[in-house]
Amino acid sequence: MSFKQKLKSNKFLITAELFPPKGTDVSLFLKRAACLKDLDAVNVTDNQRASMRAGSLAMCKLLLEMGIEPVMQLAARDKNRIALQSELLSANVLGIENVLLLSGDHPSAGEYIGTKTVYDLDTIQLIKTARLLETGVDLAGKKLSGAAHFCVGAVVNPSAEPAELQALMFEKKIKAGAEFFQTQTIFDASQFKKFLCKIKHDGVKVLPGITLIKSVKFMQFLQKLPGVNIPQNVQDRINAAKDPLAEGIKICAEIIRELRGFADGVHIMAIGAEDKIPEIIKNSL
C-alpha cells in the first residue's frame, strides 16, 4: 500500500525525517535510512536551516532503491518557478510522487547570511503548481509531454501565535490541494489537540512533529527556534536526567502514546539519532 493510499486509511501513520549529507559520502545517510525501513514514509529535507547539503531529489531516489517510500521536501526559498516546476517533474520521472512543499528557513538561520532568497512562488502557489502539472499543463500554459502525479503535503505550526492565522493558512493550503500535513515539533499532546479543534481537516491527515531531545545543549538549541515551546516539566526532566538521551526517548514515546488516542499519526525528527526511532515506536505501543 502506497503512502497516498495509507492517507485514506485509518492507520496510525509514522513518518520520519532524514538530513542529506553535507558532501558526497552517503554511507551514513544510508545507514540511518536502513533503521527506518518499517515506517510509512521518510522525508528528506531540502537544505534545512538554510544550510547547503546534497539535494533532496537525489537522496529520495536512493531511498526508493532501498525499498523506502520517500517524501521529497521542496523549499520555495531557493528556486524560481522554472526550477521548481522542473524539480517536481524530475521527481516524477524518477518515481517520486510524495512531495512536502514549504517556504524554507530564511538564510539568516544558516551559514550563508548574505544569500539572496527567491520566493518566486509562495507555498500556496507552489501547491497549486504541483496540481496544475497533474493536468498536463505548466505555469506558462504549455502542454506537457506526460502529466505528473503527486501526493502533496504541506506544513503547519500548532504552537505559533496567533493560532487563528495558522488555521487560516492551513485551510488555504487544503484548498490549494494539500493532502497531508506535517507540523513543527510539539512537546505537549494536549496543546496539539486544542489546535486540531480550531481547524477543519476532514479527510486530510495531520501528523504532529515529534523531536528527540538528545542532550541539554540540544534542548537549549530547540528553545531558540521560533514556534517551539518546550513545557517546563519536560525541561526539568532533561536537566535532571543522568542520561538525557534515554530520558528524551521516554518523553517521545510518552507523547506518541498519548497522540495515538486521537491523532492521525506522527512525524519523528531524531536528527542524527535515527537508530533510536524503532525503540521510541516500540515503547509508544
Protein backbone atom coordinates (compact mmCIF):
# COMPACT_ATOMS: atom_id res chain seq x y z
CA MET A 1 0.00 0.00 0.00
CA SER A 2 1.43 3.38 -1.00
CA PHE A 3 1.68 6.35 1.35
CA LYS A 4 -1.08 8.07 -0.63
CA GLN A 5 -3.33 5.06 -0.09
CA LYS A 6 -2.45 4.91 3.61
CA LEU A 7 -3.58 8.53 3.96
CA LYS A 8 -7.08 7.34 3.09
CA SER A 9 -7.00 4.53 5.67
CA ASN A 10 -7.47 4.54 9.44
CA LYS A 11 -3.84 3.53 10.03
CA PHE A 12 -1.83 5.49 12.60
CA LEU A 13 0.88 6.76 10.28
CA ILE A 14 4.51 7.12 11.29
CA THR A 15 6.97 9.07 9.19
CA ALA A 16 10.46 10.31 9.98
CA GLU A 17 12.95 12.81 8.66
CA LEU A 18 16.49 12.48 7.31
CA PHE A 19 19.06 15.15 6.51
CA PRO A 20 21.12 14.70 3.33
CA PRO A 21 24.90 14.65 3.79
CA LYS A 22 26.96 17.81 3.58
CA GLY A 23 29.14 16.30 0.87
CA THR A 24 29.08 13.28 -1.42
CA ASP A 25 29.59 10.47 1.11
CA VAL A 26 26.12 8.94 1.52
CA SER A 27 27.17 5.95 3.65
CA LEU A 28 25.92 7.40 6.95
CA PHE A 29 22.69 8.59 5.30
CA LEU A 30 22.03 5.06 4.02
CA LYS A 31 22.88 3.53 7.40
CA ARG A 32 20.39 5.81 9.14
CA ALA A 33 17.79 5.17 6.45
CA ALA A 34 18.07 1.41 6.99
CA CYS A 35 16.71 1.92 10.53
CA LEU A 36 13.52 3.40 9.07
CA LYS A 37 12.50 0.68 6.61
CA ASP A 38 9.36 -0.21 8.54
CA LEU A 39 7.95 3.33 8.56
CA ASP A 40 5.19 4.55 6.28
CA ALA A 41 7.41 7.14 4.59
CA VAL A 42 10.67 9.02 5.13
CA ASN A 43 11.13 12.72 4.41
CA VAL A 44 14.37 14.09 3.01
CA THR A 45 14.94 17.75 3.87
CA ASP A 46 15.78 20.46 1.33
CA ASN A 47 18.79 22.42 2.64
CA GLN A 48 17.19 22.67 6.07
CA ARG A 49 18.14 25.56 8.34
CA ALA A 50 19.40 27.23 5.12
CA SER A 51 22.50 25.01 5.26
CA MET A 52 23.84 23.66 1.96
CA ARG A 53 23.62 19.89 1.60
CA ALA A 54 23.18 17.29 -1.13
CA GLY A 55 19.82 17.58 -2.85
CA SER A 56 16.63 16.01 -1.57
CA LEU A 57 15.79 14.64 -5.03
CA ALA A 58 18.96 12.53 -5.27
CA MET A 59 18.61 11.23 -1.71
CA CYS A 60 14.95 10.33 -2.28
CA LYS A 61 15.98 8.26 -5.27
CA LEU A 62 18.43 6.35 -3.06
CA LEU A 63 15.64 5.67 -0.55
CA LEU A 64 13.40 4.42 -3.33
CA GLU A 65 16.12 1.98 -4.39
CA MET A 66 16.23 0.70 -0.78
CA GLY A 67 12.51 -0.01 -0.82
CA ILE A 68 11.69 3.01 1.36
CA GLU A 69 8.90 5.33 0.25
CA PRO A 70 10.37 8.86 0.21
CA VAL A 71 8.83 12.27 0.69
CA MET A 72 10.81 14.92 -1.18
CA GLN A 73 10.84 18.27 0.56
CA LEU A 74 10.95 21.24 -1.80
CA ALA A 75 11.53 24.79 -0.50
CA ALA A 76 10.34 27.85 -2.40
CA ARG A 77 13.27 29.80 -0.92
CA ASP A 78 15.96 28.78 -3.39
CA LYS A 79 14.35 28.33 -6.81
CA ASN A 80 12.25 30.34 -9.24
CA ARG A 81 9.09 28.97 -10.84
CA ILE A 82 11.02 27.45 -13.74
CA ALA A 83 13.33 25.45 -11.46
CA LEU A 84 10.53 24.47 -9.06
CA GLN A 85 8.43 23.00 -11.87
CA SER A 86 11.49 21.25 -13.28
CA GLU A 87 12.29 19.72 -9.87
CA LEU A 88 8.73 18.46 -9.48
CA LEU A 89 8.73 16.87 -12.93
CA SER A 90 12.18 15.37 -12.32
CA ALA A 91 10.91 13.74 -9.14
CA ASN A 92 8.10 12.07 -11.06
CA VAL A 93 10.48 10.88 -13.76
CA LEU A 94 12.47 9.11 -11.02
CA GLY A 95 9.35 7.56 -9.48
CA ILE A 96 8.94 10.00 -6.59
CA GLU A 97 5.36 11.17 -6.06
CA ASN A 98 5.28 12.28 -2.40
CA VAL A 99 6.32 15.92 -2.01
CA LEU A 100 6.26 18.24 1.00
CA LEU A 101 6.09 21.82 -0.25
CA LEU A 102 7.24 24.57 2.09
CA SER A 103 8.77 28.04 2.13
CA GLY A 104 12.10 27.03 3.74
CA ASP A 105 14.12 28.58 6.55
CA HIS A 106 15.42 32.09 5.93
CA PRO A 107 19.15 32.25 5.07
CA SER A 108 19.76 34.13 8.33
CA ALA A 109 19.30 30.74 10.05
CA GLY A 110 22.31 29.24 8.28
CA GLU A 111 25.93 29.92 7.36
CA TYR A 112 25.13 31.84 4.16
CA ILE A 113 23.94 35.05 5.79
CA GLY A 114 24.20 37.21 2.65
CA THR A 115 22.34 34.77 0.42
CA LYS A 116 19.50 36.21 -1.64
CA THR A 117 16.17 34.46 -1.28
CA VAL A 118 14.00 33.75 -4.32
CA TYR A 119 10.44 33.09 -3.16
CA ASP A 120 9.21 33.49 -6.73
CA LEU A 121 6.24 31.39 -5.63
CA ASP A 122 4.83 31.24 -2.13
CA THR A 123 3.86 27.91 -0.59
CA ILE A 124 0.22 28.07 -1.65
CA GLN A 125 1.21 28.95 -5.22
CA LEU A 126 3.69 26.06 -5.20
CA ILE A 127 0.98 23.62 -4.09
CA LYS A 128 -1.26 24.91 -6.87
CA THR A 129 1.62 24.49 -9.32
CA ALA A 130 2.01 20.81 -8.44
CA ARG A 131 -1.71 20.32 -9.00
CA LEU A 132 -1.53 22.19 -12.31
CA LEU A 133 1.28 19.94 -13.57
CA GLU A 134 -1.05 17.00 -12.92
CA THR A 135 -3.41 18.39 -15.56
CA GLY A 136 -0.65 18.18 -18.17
CA VAL A 137 -0.03 21.94 -18.36
CA ASP A 138 2.71 24.14 -16.90
CA LEU A 139 2.54 27.65 -15.44
CA ALA A 140 3.13 29.17 -18.87
CA GLY A 141 0.10 27.33 -20.21
CA LYS A 142 2.25 24.99 -22.29
CA LYS A 143 1.19 21.38 -22.72
CA LEU A 144 3.37 18.74 -21.09
CA SER A 145 4.50 15.52 -22.70
CA GLY A 146 3.15 13.32 -19.92
CA ALA A 147 1.32 14.62 -16.86
CA ALA A 148 2.72 14.37 -13.33
CA HIS A 149 1.15 12.61 -10.33
CA PHE A 150 1.72 13.79 -6.77
CA CYS A 151 0.80 13.18 -3.17
CA VAL A 152 1.13 16.74 -1.90
CA GLY A 153 1.98 17.64 1.67
CA ALA A 154 2.41 20.95 3.49
CA VAL A 155 3.41 22.20 6.94
CA VAL A 156 1.66 23.92 9.83
CA ASN A 157 2.83 25.12 13.24
CA PRO A 158 0.37 24.27 16.06
CA SER A 159 2.37 26.29 18.60
CA ALA A 160 2.60 29.55 16.63
CA GLU A 161 0.63 32.60 17.63
CA PRO A 162 -1.86 33.75 16.64
CA ALA A 163 -3.35 30.29 16.20
CA GLU A 164 -6.09 31.78 14.04
CA LEU A 165 -3.54 32.75 11.39
CA GLN A 166 -2.13 29.22 11.32
CA ALA A 167 -5.66 27.85 10.97
CA LEU A 168 -6.35 30.23 8.08
CA MET A 169 -3.13 29.25 6.26
CA PHE A 170 -3.92 25.59 6.91
CA GLU A 171 -7.31 25.92 5.23
CA LYS A 172 -5.82 27.84 2.29
CA LYS A 173 -3.27 25.08 1.74
CA ILE A 174 -6.01 22.44 1.75
CA LYS A 175 -7.98 24.48 -0.79
CA ALA A 176 -4.83 24.72 -2.93
CA GLY A 177 -4.51 20.94 -2.94
CA ALA A 178 -2.58 19.72 0.13
CA GLU A 179 -3.44 16.11 1.07
CA PHE A 180 -1.49 15.81 4.31
CA PHE A 181 0.34 17.99 6.81
CA GLN A 182 3.39 17.55 8.99
CA THR A 183 3.84 20.02 11.83
CA GLN A 184 6.55 21.89 13.63
CA THR A 185 7.74 19.97 16.68
CA ILE A 186 5.37 19.67 19.63
CA PHE A 187 6.04 18.54 23.20
CA ASP A 188 2.50 18.83 24.51
CA ALA A 189 -0.13 16.49 23.07
CA SER A 190 -2.96 18.41 24.73
CA GLN A 191 -1.86 21.64 23.05
CA PHE A 192 -1.92 19.87 19.69
CA LYS A 193 -5.40 18.53 20.44
CA LYS A 194 -6.60 22.10 21.08
CA PHE A 195 -5.16 23.16 17.73
CA LEU A 196 -6.99 20.35 15.95
CA CYS A 197 -10.25 21.68 17.38
CA LYS A 198 -9.56 25.04 15.68
CA ILE A 199 -9.06 23.68 12.15
CA LYS A 200 -11.22 21.95 9.58
CA HIS A 201 -9.29 18.89 8.47
CA ASP A 202 -11.85 16.29 7.42
CA GLY A 203 -10.14 13.83 5.10
CA VAL A 204 -6.72 15.47 5.49
CA LYS A 205 -4.19 13.77 7.77
CA VAL A 206 -2.17 15.94 10.16
CA LEU A 207 0.99 14.36 11.56
CA PRO A 208 2.42 16.25 14.55
CA GLY A 209 6.19 16.59 14.62
CA ILE A 210 7.98 14.84 17.49
CA THR A 211 11.63 15.74 18.14
CA LEU A 212 14.00 13.57 20.15
CA ILE A 213 15.85 15.65 22.74
CA LYS A 214 19.35 14.17 22.84
CA SER A 215 21.05 16.41 25.38
CA VAL A 216 20.65 19.53 27.49
CA LYS A 217 22.58 21.51 24.88
CA PHE A 218 20.29 20.28 22.10
CA MET A 219 17.24 21.23 24.16
CA GLN A 220 18.64 24.74 24.58
CA PHE A 221 19.09 24.93 20.80
CA LEU A 222 15.48 23.86 20.21
CA GLN A 223 14.22 26.50 22.62
CA LYS A 224 15.72 29.23 20.44
CA LEU A 225 13.79 28.10 17.35
CA PRO A 226 10.69 30.15 16.54
CA GLY A 227 7.43 28.40 17.33
CA VAL A 228 8.99 25.72 19.56
CA ASN A 229 7.52 25.51 23.06
CA ILE A 230 9.08 23.02 25.49
CA PRO A 231 6.95 22.69 28.66
CA GLN A 232 8.73 23.26 31.98
CA ASN A 233 8.16 19.67 33.13
CA VAL A 234 9.98 18.38 30.03
CA GLN A 235 12.84 20.81 30.60
CA ASP A 236 13.10 19.72 34.23
CA ARG A 237 13.22 16.04 33.28
CA ILE A 238 16.01 16.56 30.73
CA ASN A 239 18.01 18.83 33.05
CA ALA A 240 17.78 16.33 35.93
CA ALA A 241 18.43 13.19 33.87
CA LYS A 242 21.66 11.24 34.28
CA ASP A 243 21.18 10.12 30.67
CA PRO A 244 19.34 12.91 28.77
CA LEU A 245 19.12 10.79 25.58
CA ALA A 246 17.40 7.91 27.40
CA GLU A 247 15.03 10.40 29.03
CA GLY A 248 14.38 12.01 25.65
CA ILE A 249 13.43 8.61 24.21
CA LYS A 250 11.00 8.09 27.10
CA ILE A 251 9.44 11.52 26.57
CA CYS A 252 8.98 10.90 22.82
CA ALA A 253 7.34 7.52 23.48
CA GLU A 254 5.01 9.03 26.08
CA ILE A 255 3.89 11.82 23.74
CA ILE A 256 3.28 9.38 20.88
CA ARG A 257 1.35 7.05 23.19
CA GLU A 258 -0.94 9.93 24.11
CA LEU A 259 -1.30 11.01 20.47
CA ARG A 260 -2.37 7.51 19.45
CA GLY A 261 -5.67 8.24 21.15
CA PHE A 262 -6.72 11.00 18.75
CA ALA A 263 -4.06 11.93 16.15
CA ASP A 264 -3.64 10.61 12.59
CA GLY A 265 -0.02 9.68 13.23
CA VAL A 266 3.34 11.31 13.97
CA HIS A 267 6.36 12.67 12.15
CA ILE A 268 9.54 11.85 14.11
CA MET A 269 12.64 14.04 13.89
CA ALA A 270 15.56 12.34 15.63
CA ILE A 271 18.24 14.46 13.91
CA GLY A 272 21.25 12.15 13.84
CA ALA A 273 19.81 9.55 16.23
CA GLU A 274 17.53 7.78 13.75
CA ASP A 275 18.68 4.42 15.13
CA LYS A 276 16.63 5.25 18.25
CA ILE A 277 13.36 5.62 16.33
CA PRO A 278 12.45 1.89 16.38
CA GLU A 279 12.90 1.92 20.18
CA ILE A 280 10.73 5.03 20.51
CA ILE A 281 7.96 3.43 18.44
CA LYS A 282 8.14 0.15 20.37
CA ASN A 283 7.90 1.97 23.70
CA SER A 284 4.92 4.02 22.49
CA LEU A 285 2.70 0.97 21.99
